[in-house]
Amino acid sequence: MGNALLAIGATEWKLLIRNRTVAFSATALPLVMGVFLAYSRPAEGGWAMTVALQLLAVLGFTVYFTTSTALTSRREDLYLKRLCSAEPAPVVVLAGMLVPTAVLGVVQSAVVLGLSAAFGAPLGGNPLLLVVAVAGGLVMCLLAGVATSGRTSTAEQAQITTLPFFFAMFGGALWASVSAGGTWAALLLPGAAVAELVRLSMTPQDWTAQVNAALPAVLALLGWVLLCGVAARGWFRWDPRA
């Protein structure tokens, strides 16, 4: 199973970089946005908002958009059906398809965090909360991408069908960063929990106080992971849309 997973992932990586639009949105665009946000750090929200938006740029473009577009394209080309007719189980096929975007998301998250640290962001407060934000956001966006692909007829249409989740993520992050309190109303949006965990990781408190304060955001993020997982299970399609 491990060899099949890696083989599918390696093939998917080659297919991704052949598409210039997808390759740009998955690699260069998040990093360009990360540099821009670091240079133009807003007065309101400060580094917490900047880092949250940097991470969401990676999660949104590299992970969510790329997953939605790639799965839709492979499904419509009957590539997914051909893989499933071979030896690997369907779950192995799907996991292998997600490996490149997941790895790229982790690497780019580390790059933008290192970039922010080089510019002076106070990232050393509670790195555990940053890890939770990145890991939870990554899983959420992977599952959301799988779900959205099931509602998308063509790879080109993914530019439209991904917009609602995009707006919800960035809108939630801005709301949570400005309110600086992680209200439950803000945490109902997918990006708010990531932004709140980033903010708390930079708040000068002891670890116990930070972890206790982070519980609502962690629960909200877990809720979004479960919701996206249910949507992915119900909406994902192996066959082309009629």
C-alpha atoms as a PDB file:
ATOM      1  CA  MET A   1       0.000   0.000   0.000  1.00  0.00           C
ATOM      2  CA  GLY A   2       2.831   2.390   0.848  1.00  0.00           C
ATOM      3  CA  ASN A   3       4.517   1.933  -2.528  1.00  0.00           C
ATOM      4  CA  ALA A   4       1.238   2.482  -4.374  1.00  0.00           C
ATOM      5  CA  LEU A   5       0.556   5.607  -2.320  1.00  0.00           C
ATOM      6  CA  LEU A   6       3.951   7.100  -3.137  1.00  0.00           C
ATOM      7  CA  ALA A   7       3.712   6.123  -6.803  1.00  0.00           C
ATOM      8  CA  ILE A   8       0.319   7.795  -7.193  1.00  0.00           C
ATOM      9  CA  GLY A   9       1.575  10.850  -5.329  1.00  0.00           C
ATOM     10  CA  ALA A  10       4.673  11.138  -7.525  1.00  0.00           C
ATOM     11  CA  THR A  11       2.586  10.872 -10.685  1.00  0.00           C
ATOM     12  CA  GLU A  12       0.134  13.461  -9.410  1.00  0.00           C
ATOM     13  CA  TRP A  13       2.986  15.864  -8.662  1.00  0.00           C
ATOM     14  CA  LYS A  14       4.190  15.576 -12.271  1.00  0.00           C
ATOM     15  CA  LEU A  15       0.667  16.250 -13.534  1.00  0.00           C
ATOM     16  CA  LEU A  16       0.297  19.287 -11.271  1.00  0.00           C
ATOM     17  CA  ILE A  17       3.449  21.034 -12.406  1.00  0.00           C
ATOM     18  CA  ARG A  18       2.534  20.516 -16.071  1.00  0.00           C
ATOM     19  CA  ASN A  19      -0.481  22.798 -15.630  1.00  0.00           C
ATOM     20  CA  ARG A  20       1.023  26.275 -15.431  1.00  0.00           C
ATOM     21  CA  THR A  21      -2.044  27.910 -13.866  1.00  0.00           C
ATOM     22  CA  VAL A  22      -2.369  25.312 -11.124  1.00  0.00           C
ATOM     23  CA  ALA A  23       1.397  25.201 -10.594  1.00  0.00           C
ATOM     24  CA  PHE A  24       1.512  28.981 -10.141  1.00  0.00           C
ATOM     25  CA  SER A  25      -1.430  29.068  -7.717  1.00  0.00           C
ATOM     26  CA  ALA A  26       0.035  26.157  -5.751  1.00  0.00           C
ATOM     27  CA  THR A  27       3.641  27.327  -5.527  1.00  0.00           C
ATOM     28  CA  ALA A  28       4.450  30.936  -6.384  1.00  0.00           C
ATOM     29  CA  LEU A  29       1.230  32.795  -5.531  1.00  0.00           C
ATOM     30  CA  PRO A  30       1.091  31.952  -1.785  1.00  0.00           C
ATOM     31  CA  LEU A  31       4.758  32.861  -1.346  1.00  0.00           C
ATOM     32  CA  VAL A  32       4.329  36.155  -3.216  1.00  0.00           C
ATOM     33  CA  MET A  33       1.355  36.975  -0.998  1.00  0.00           C
ATOM     34  CA  GLY A  34       3.387  36.010   2.058  1.00  0.00           C
ATOM     35  CA  VAL A  35       6.156  38.446   1.169  1.00  0.00           C
ATOM     36  CA  PHE A  36       3.650  41.197   0.372  1.00  0.00           C
ATOM     37  CA  LEU A  37       1.803  40.725   3.672  1.00  0.00           C
ATOM     38  CA  ALA A  38       5.057  40.765   5.631  1.00  0.00           C
ATOM     39  CA  TYR A  39       6.068  44.058   3.998  1.00  0.00           C
ATOM     40  CA  SER A  40       2.651  45.710   4.344  1.00  0.00           C
ATOM     41  CA  ARG A  41       1.831  44.557   7.863  1.00  0.00           C
ATOM     42  CA  PRO A  42      -1.445  46.229   8.975  1.00  0.00           C
ATOM     43  CA  ALA A  43      -1.460  48.416  12.069  1.00  0.00           C
ATOM     44  CA  GLU A  44      -4.666  46.788  13.301  1.00  0.00           C
ATOM     45  CA  GLY A  45      -4.144  43.120  13.994  1.00  0.00           C
ATOM     46  CA  GLY A  46      -0.363  43.389  13.658  1.00  0.00           C
ATOM     47  CA  TRP A  47       1.706  40.268  13.208  1.00  0.00           C
ATOM     48  CA  ALA A  48      -1.125  37.976  14.314  1.00  0.00           C
ATOM     49  CA  MET A  49      -3.308  39.026  11.385  1.00  0.00           C
ATOM     50  CA  THR A  50      -0.356  38.984   8.993  1.00  0.00           C
ATOM     51  CA  VAL A  51       0.737  35.446   9.877  1.00  0.00           C
ATOM     52  CA  ALA A  52      -2.856  34.188   9.861  1.00  0.00           C
ATOM     53  CA  LEU A  53      -3.435  35.581   6.367  1.00  0.00           C
ATOM     54  CA  GLN A  54      -0.104  34.167   5.184  1.00  0.00           C
ATOM     55  CA  LEU A  55      -1.053  30.695   6.390  1.00  0.00           C
ATOM     56  CA  LEU A  56      -4.541  30.948   4.918  1.00  0.00           C
ATOM     57  CA  ALA A  57      -3.062  31.982   1.570  1.00  0.00           C
ATOM     58  CA  VAL A  58      -1.073  28.743   1.611  1.00  0.00           C
ATOM     59  CA  LEU A  59      -4.016  26.661   2.817  1.00  0.00           C
ATOM     60  CA  GLY A  60      -6.447  28.325   0.428  1.00  0.00           C
ATOM     61  CA  PHE A  61      -4.434  28.343  -2.783  1.00  0.00           C
ATOM     62  CA  THR A  62      -1.897  25.538  -2.359  1.00  0.00           C
ATOM     63  CA  VAL A  63      -4.172  23.070  -0.589  1.00  0.00           C
ATOM     64  CA  TYR A  64      -7.857  23.858  -1.144  1.00  0.00           C
ATOM     65  CA  PHE A  65      -7.884  25.265  -4.683  1.00  0.00           C
ATOM     66  CA  THR A  66      -5.287  22.812  -5.990  1.00  0.00           C
ATOM     67  CA  THR A  67      -7.115  19.825  -4.494  1.00  0.00           C
ATOM     68  CA  SER A  68     -10.457  20.913  -5.948  1.00  0.00           C
ATOM     69  CA  THR A  69      -9.017  21.595  -9.396  1.00  0.00           C
ATOM     70  CA  ALA A  70      -6.831  18.495  -9.584  1.00  0.00           C
ATOM     71  CA  LEU A  71      -9.492  16.019  -8.461  1.00  0.00           C
ATOM     72  CA  THR A  72     -12.055  17.527 -10.829  1.00  0.00           C
ATOM     73  CA  SER A  73      -9.648  17.351 -13.752  1.00  0.00           C
ATOM     74  CA  ARG A  74      -8.575  13.766 -12.999  1.00  0.00           C
ATOM     75  CA  ARG A  75     -12.195  12.663 -12.614  1.00  0.00           C
ATOM     76  CA  GLU A  76     -13.325  14.218 -15.902  1.00  0.00           C
ATOM     77  CA  ASP A  77     -10.342  12.657 -17.713  1.00  0.00           C
ATOM     78  CA  LEU A  78     -11.379   9.251 -16.291  1.00  0.00           C
ATOM     79  CA  TYR A  79      -7.968   9.048 -14.631  1.00  0.00           C
ATOM     80  CA  LEU A  80      -9.520   8.299 -11.244  1.00  0.00           C
ATOM     81  CA  LYS A  81     -11.593   5.453 -12.692  1.00  0.00           C
ATOM     82  CA  ARG A  82      -8.525   3.931 -14.338  1.00  0.00           C
ATOM     83  CA  LEU A  83      -6.615   4.063 -11.064  1.00  0.00           C
ATOM     84  CA  CYS A  84      -9.493   2.466  -9.164  1.00  0.00           C
ATOM     85  CA  SER A  85      -9.694  -0.359 -11.695  1.00  0.00           C
ATOM     86  CA  ALA A  86      -6.100  -1.267 -10.866  1.00  0.00           C
ATOM     87  CA  GLU A  87      -4.884  -2.945  -7.683  1.00  0.00           C
ATOM     88  CA  PRO A  88      -4.895  -0.043  -5.144  1.00  0.00           C
ATOM     89  CA  ALA A  89      -8.017   0.406  -3.033  1.00  0.00           C
ATOM     90  CA  PRO A  90     -10.034   3.605  -3.641  1.00  0.00           C
ATOM     91  CA  VAL A  91      -8.913   5.090  -0.322  1.00  0.00           C
ATOM     92  CA  VAL A  92      -5.268   4.570  -1.349  1.00  0.00           C
ATOM     93  CA  VAL A  93      -5.916   6.256  -4.696  1.00  0.00           C
ATOM     94  CA  LEU A  94      -7.526   9.277  -3.059  1.00  0.00           C
ATOM     95  CA  ALA A  95      -4.838   9.530  -0.380  1.00  0.00           C
ATOM     96  CA  GLY A  96      -2.118   9.330  -3.021  1.00  0.00           C
ATOM     97  CA  MET A  97      -3.765  12.123  -4.993  1.00  0.00           C
ATOM     98  CA  LEU A  98      -3.674  14.331  -1.890  1.00  0.00           C
ATOM     99  CA  VAL A  99      -0.045  13.663  -0.940  1.00  0.00           C
ATOM    100  CA  PRO A 100       1.577  16.360  -3.155  1.00  0.00           C
ATOM    101  CA  THR A 101      -0.697  19.186  -2.017  1.00  0.00           C
ATOM    102  CA  ALA A 102      -0.409  18.127   1.627  1.00  0.00           C
ATOM    103  CA  VAL A 103       3.400  18.043   1.520  1.00  0.00           C
ATOM    104  CA  LEU A 104       3.545  21.305  -0.413  1.00  0.00           C
ATOM    105  CA  GLY A 105       1.179  22.917   2.099  1.00  0.00           C
ATOM    106  CA  VAL A 106       3.388  21.910   5.033  1.00  0.00           C
ATOM    107  CA  VAL A 107       6.577  23.100   3.322  1.00  0.00           C
ATOM    108  CA  GLN A 108       5.097  26.437   2.288  1.00  0.00           C
ATOM    109  CA  SER A 109       3.625  27.001   5.750  1.00  0.00           C
ATOM    110  CA  ALA A 110       7.100  26.504   7.212  1.00  0.00           C
ATOM    111  CA  VAL A 111       8.541  28.909   4.633  1.00  0.00           C
ATOM    112  CA  VAL A 112       6.068  31.728   5.334  1.00  0.00           C
ATOM    113  CA  LEU A 113       6.486  31.272   9.090  1.00  0.00           C
ATOM    114  CA  GLY A 114      10.253  31.469   8.681  1.00  0.00           C
ATOM    115  CA  LEU A 115       9.819  34.542   6.512  1.00  0.00           C
ATOM    116  CA  SER A 116       7.691  36.237   9.158  1.00  0.00           C
ATOM    117  CA  ALA A 117      10.176  35.325  11.874  1.00  0.00           C
ATOM    118  CA  ALA A 118      12.945  36.902   9.794  1.00  0.00           C
ATOM    119  CA  PHE A 119      10.871  40.088   9.585  1.00  0.00           C
ATOM    120  CA  GLY A 120      10.450  40.117  13.368  1.00  0.00           C
ATOM    121  CA  ALA A 121       7.223  38.230  14.058  1.00  0.00           C
ATOM    122  CA  PRO A 122       7.079  36.937  17.675  1.00  0.00           C
ATOM    123  CA  LEU A 123       6.542  33.265  16.831  1.00  0.00           C
ATOM    124  CA  GLY A 124       8.271  31.753  19.842  1.00  0.00           C
ATOM    125  CA  GLY A 125       5.419  32.139  22.335  1.00  0.00           C
ATOM    126  CA  ASN A 126       3.601  28.836  21.931  1.00  0.00           C
ATOM    127  CA  PRO A 127       4.647  26.902  18.810  1.00  0.00           C
ATOM    128  CA  LEU A 128       2.263  24.071  19.706  1.00  0.00           C
ATOM    129  CA  LEU A 129      -0.726  26.270  18.889  1.00  0.00           C
ATOM    130  CA  LEU A 130       0.854  27.170  15.545  1.00  0.00           C
ATOM    131  CA  VAL A 131       1.281  23.474  14.763  1.00  0.00           C
ATOM    132  CA  VAL A 132      -2.373  22.832  15.636  1.00  0.00           C
ATOM    133  CA  ALA A 133      -3.448  25.751  13.428  1.00  0.00           C
ATOM    134  CA  VAL A 134      -1.432  24.512  10.442  1.00  0.00           C
ATOM    135  CA  ALA A 135      -2.309  20.827  10.863  1.00  0.00           C
ATOM    136  CA  GLY A 136      -6.001  21.436  11.489  1.00  0.00           C
ATOM    137  CA  GLY A 137      -6.255  23.966   8.685  1.00  0.00           C
ATOM    138  CA  LEU A 138      -4.450  21.607   6.313  1.00  0.00           C
ATOM    139  CA  VAL A 139      -6.819  18.704   6.977  1.00  0.00           C
ATOM    140  CA  MET A 140      -9.842  21.019   6.770  1.00  0.00           C
ATOM    141  CA  CYS A 141      -8.762  22.398   3.380  1.00  0.00           C
ATOM    142  CA  LEU A 142      -7.901  18.974   1.968  1.00  0.00           C
ATOM    143  CA  LEU A 143     -11.347  17.651   2.883  1.00  0.00           C
ATOM    144  CA  ALA A 144     -13.039  20.835   1.669  1.00  0.00           C
ATOM    145  CA  GLY A 145     -11.212  20.453  -1.651  1.00  0.00           C
ATOM    146  CA  VAL A 146     -12.396  16.857  -1.979  1.00  0.00           C
ATOM    147  CA  ALA A 147     -15.964  17.953  -1.227  1.00  0.00           C
ATOM    148  CA  THR A 148     -15.883  20.900  -3.640  1.00  0.00           C
ATOM    149  CA  SER A 149     -14.563  18.727  -6.467  1.00  0.00           C
ATOM    150  CA  GLY A 150     -17.746  16.682  -6.234  1.00  0.00           C
ATOM    151  CA  ARG A 151     -19.795  19.824  -6.930  1.00  0.00           C
ATOM    152  CA  THR A 152     -17.555  21.011  -9.775  1.00  0.00           C
ATOM    153  CA  SER A 153     -18.066  19.936 -13.380  1.00  0.00           C
ATOM    154  CA  THR A 154     -14.794  21.134 -14.915  1.00  0.00           C
ATOM    155  CA  ALA A 155     -11.390  22.279 -13.707  1.00  0.00           C
ATOM    156  CA  GLU A 156     -12.148  25.756 -15.039  1.00  0.00           C
ATOM    157  CA  GLN A 157     -15.376  25.887 -13.034  1.00  0.00           C
ATOM    158  CA  ALA A 158     -13.359  25.350  -9.849  1.00  0.00           C
ATOM    159  CA  GLN A 159     -12.400  29.022 -10.025  1.00  0.00           C
ATOM    160  CA  ILE A 160     -16.064  29.756  -9.240  1.00  0.00           C
ATOM    161  CA  THR A 161     -17.074  26.888  -6.966  1.00  0.00           C
ATOM    162  CA  THR A 162     -14.150  27.486  -4.603  1.00  0.00           C
ATOM    163  CA  LEU A 163     -15.023  31.153  -4.020  1.00  0.00           C
ATOM    164  CA  PRO A 164     -17.578  30.697  -1.182  1.00  0.00           C
ATOM    165  CA  PHE A 165     -15.156  28.749   1.007  1.00  0.00           C
ATOM    166  CA  PHE A 166     -12.359  31.187   0.114  1.00  0.00           C
ATOM    167  CA  PHE A 167     -14.431  34.180   1.195  1.00  0.00           C
ATOM    168  CA  ALA A 168     -15.550  32.393   4.368  1.00  0.00           C
ATOM    169  CA  MET A 169     -11.949  31.544   5.308  1.00  0.00           C
ATOM    170  CA  PHE A 170     -10.471  34.982   4.775  1.00  0.00           C
ATOM    171  CA  GLY A 171     -13.544  36.770   6.132  1.00  0.00           C
ATOM    172  CA  GLY A 172     -13.444  34.663   9.279  1.00  0.00           C
ATOM    173  CA  ALA A 173      -9.724  35.298   9.720  1.00  0.00           C
ATOM    174  CA  LEU A 174     -10.154  39.062   9.403  1.00  0.00           C
ATOM    175  CA  TRP A 175     -13.105  39.059  11.814  1.00  0.00           C
ATOM    176  CA  ALA A 176     -11.259  36.994  14.417  1.00  0.00           C
ATOM    177  CA  SER A 177      -8.073  39.068  14.087  1.00  0.00           C
ATOM    178  CA  VAL A 178      -9.873  42.395  14.445  1.00  0.00           C
ATOM    179  CA  SER A 179     -12.116  41.281  17.313  1.00  0.00           C
ATOM    180  CA  ALA A 180      -9.052  39.726  19.020  1.00  0.00           C
ATOM    181  CA  GLY A 181     -11.256  37.624  21.200  1.00  0.00           C
ATOM    182  CA  GLY A 182     -12.275  34.643  19.167  1.00  0.00           C
ATOM    183  CA  THR A 183     -16.016  35.151  19.681  1.00  0.00           C
ATOM    184  CA  TRP A 184     -18.180  32.150  18.892  1.00  0.00           C
ATOM    185  CA  ALA A 185     -19.887  34.111  16.118  1.00  0.00           C
ATOM    186  CA  ALA A 186     -16.536  34.616  14.387  1.00  0.00           C
ATOM    187  CA  LEU A 187     -15.470  31.022  15.039  1.00  0.00           C
ATOM    188  CA  LEU A 188     -18.436  29.801  13.014  1.00  0.00           C
ATOM    189  CA  LEU A 189     -16.424  30.725   9.913  1.00  0.00           C
ATOM    190  CA  PRO A 190     -13.673  28.305   8.790  1.00  0.00           C
ATOM    191  CA  GLY A 191     -10.666  30.641   8.823  1.00  0.00           C
ATOM    192  CA  ALA A 192     -11.418  32.209  12.198  1.00  0.00           C
ATOM    193  CA  ALA A 193     -10.138  29.281  14.267  1.00  0.00           C
ATOM    194  CA  VAL A 194      -6.790  29.318  12.457  1.00  0.00           C
ATOM    195  CA  ALA A 195      -6.457  33.082  12.982  1.00  0.00           C
ATOM    196  CA  GLU A 196      -7.396  32.802  16.657  1.00  0.00           C
ATOM    197  CA  LEU A 197      -4.850  30.044  17.291  1.00  0.00           C
ATOM    198  CA  VAL A 198      -2.168  32.144  15.596  1.00  0.00           C
ATOM    199  CA  ARG A 199      -3.098  35.156  17.733  1.00  0.00           C
ATOM    200  CA  LEU A 200      -3.038  33.152  20.954  1.00  0.00           C
ATOM    201  CA  SER A 201       0.333  31.609  20.071  1.00  0.00           C
ATOM    202  CA  MET A 202       1.764  35.149  20.071  1.00  0.00           C
ATOM    203  CA  THR A 203      -0.025  36.332  23.206  1.00  0.00           C
ATOM    204  CA  PRO A 204       2.356  36.737  26.179  1.00  0.00           C
ATOM    205  CA  GLN A 205       0.753  34.273  28.614  1.00  0.00           C
ATOM    206  CA  ASP A 206       1.863  31.080  30.304  1.00  0.00           C
ATOM    207  CA  TRP A 207       1.215  27.859  28.392  1.00  0.00           C
ATOM    208  CA  THR A 208      -1.687  26.761  30.586  1.00  0.00           C
ATOM    209  CA  ALA A 209      -3.556  30.019  30.088  1.00  0.00           C
ATOM    210  CA  GLN A 210      -2.887  29.922  26.338  1.00  0.00           C
ATOM    211  CA  VAL A 211      -4.113  26.347  25.989  1.00  0.00           C
ATOM    212  CA  ASN A 212      -7.265  27.056  28.002  1.00  0.00           C
ATOM    213  CA  ALA A 213      -7.974  30.146  25.919  1.00  0.00           C
ATOM    214  CA  ALA A 214      -7.420  28.140  22.730  1.00  0.00           C
ATOM    215  CA  LEU A 215     -10.020  25.457  23.499  1.00  0.00           C
ATOM    216  CA  PRO A 216     -12.932  27.232  21.724  1.00  0.00           C
ATOM    217  CA  ALA A 217     -10.805  27.714  18.592  1.00  0.00           C
ATOM    218  CA  VAL A 218      -9.607  24.098  18.690  1.00  0.00           C
ATOM    219  CA  LEU A 219     -13.186  22.842  19.033  1.00  0.00           C
ATOM    220  CA  ALA A 220     -14.325  25.097  16.197  1.00  0.00           C
ATOM    221  CA  LEU A 221     -11.510  23.845  13.962  1.00  0.00           C
ATOM    222  CA  LEU A 222     -12.336  20.226  14.788  1.00  0.00           C
ATOM    223  CA  GLY A 223     -15.965  20.976  13.976  1.00  0.00           C
ATOM    224  CA  TRP A 224     -14.985  22.291  10.551  1.00  0.00           C
ATOM    225  CA  VAL A 225     -12.773  19.259   9.926  1.00  0.00           C
ATOM    226  CA  LEU A 226     -15.703  16.956  10.727  1.00  0.00           C
ATOM    227  CA  LEU A 227     -18.118  19.019   8.625  1.00  0.00           C
ATOM    228  CA  CYS A 228     -15.764  19.016   5.635  1.00  0.00           C
ATOM    229  CA  GLY A 229     -15.186  15.294   6.117  1.00  0.00           C
ATOM    230  CA  VAL A 230     -18.920  14.580   6.024  1.00  0.00           C
ATOM    231  CA  ALA A 231     -19.286  16.774   2.928  1.00  0.00           C
ATOM    232  CA  ALA A 232     -16.345  15.046   1.237  1.00  0.00           C
ATOM    233  CA  ARG A 233     -17.798  11.617   1.964  1.00  0.00           C
ATOM    234  CA  GLY A 234     -21.201  12.598   0.625  1.00  0.00           C
ATOM    235  CA  TRP A 235     -20.235  14.706  -2.392  1.00  0.00           C
ATOM    236  CA  PHE A 236     -17.039  13.206  -3.803  1.00  0.00           C
ATOM    237  CA  ARG A 237     -17.509  11.442  -7.141  1.00  0.00           C
ATOM    238  CA  TRP A 238     -15.351   8.941  -9.002  1.00  0.00           C
ATOM    239  CA  ASP A 239     -17.383   9.210 -12.210  1.00  0.00           C
ATOM    240  CA  PRO A 240     -17.606  12.304 -14.438  1.00  0.00           C
ATOM    241  CA  ARG A 241     -20.526  14.612 -13.772  1.00  0.00           C
ATOM    242  CA  ALA A 242     -23.290  14.328 -16.345  1.00  0.00           C
END
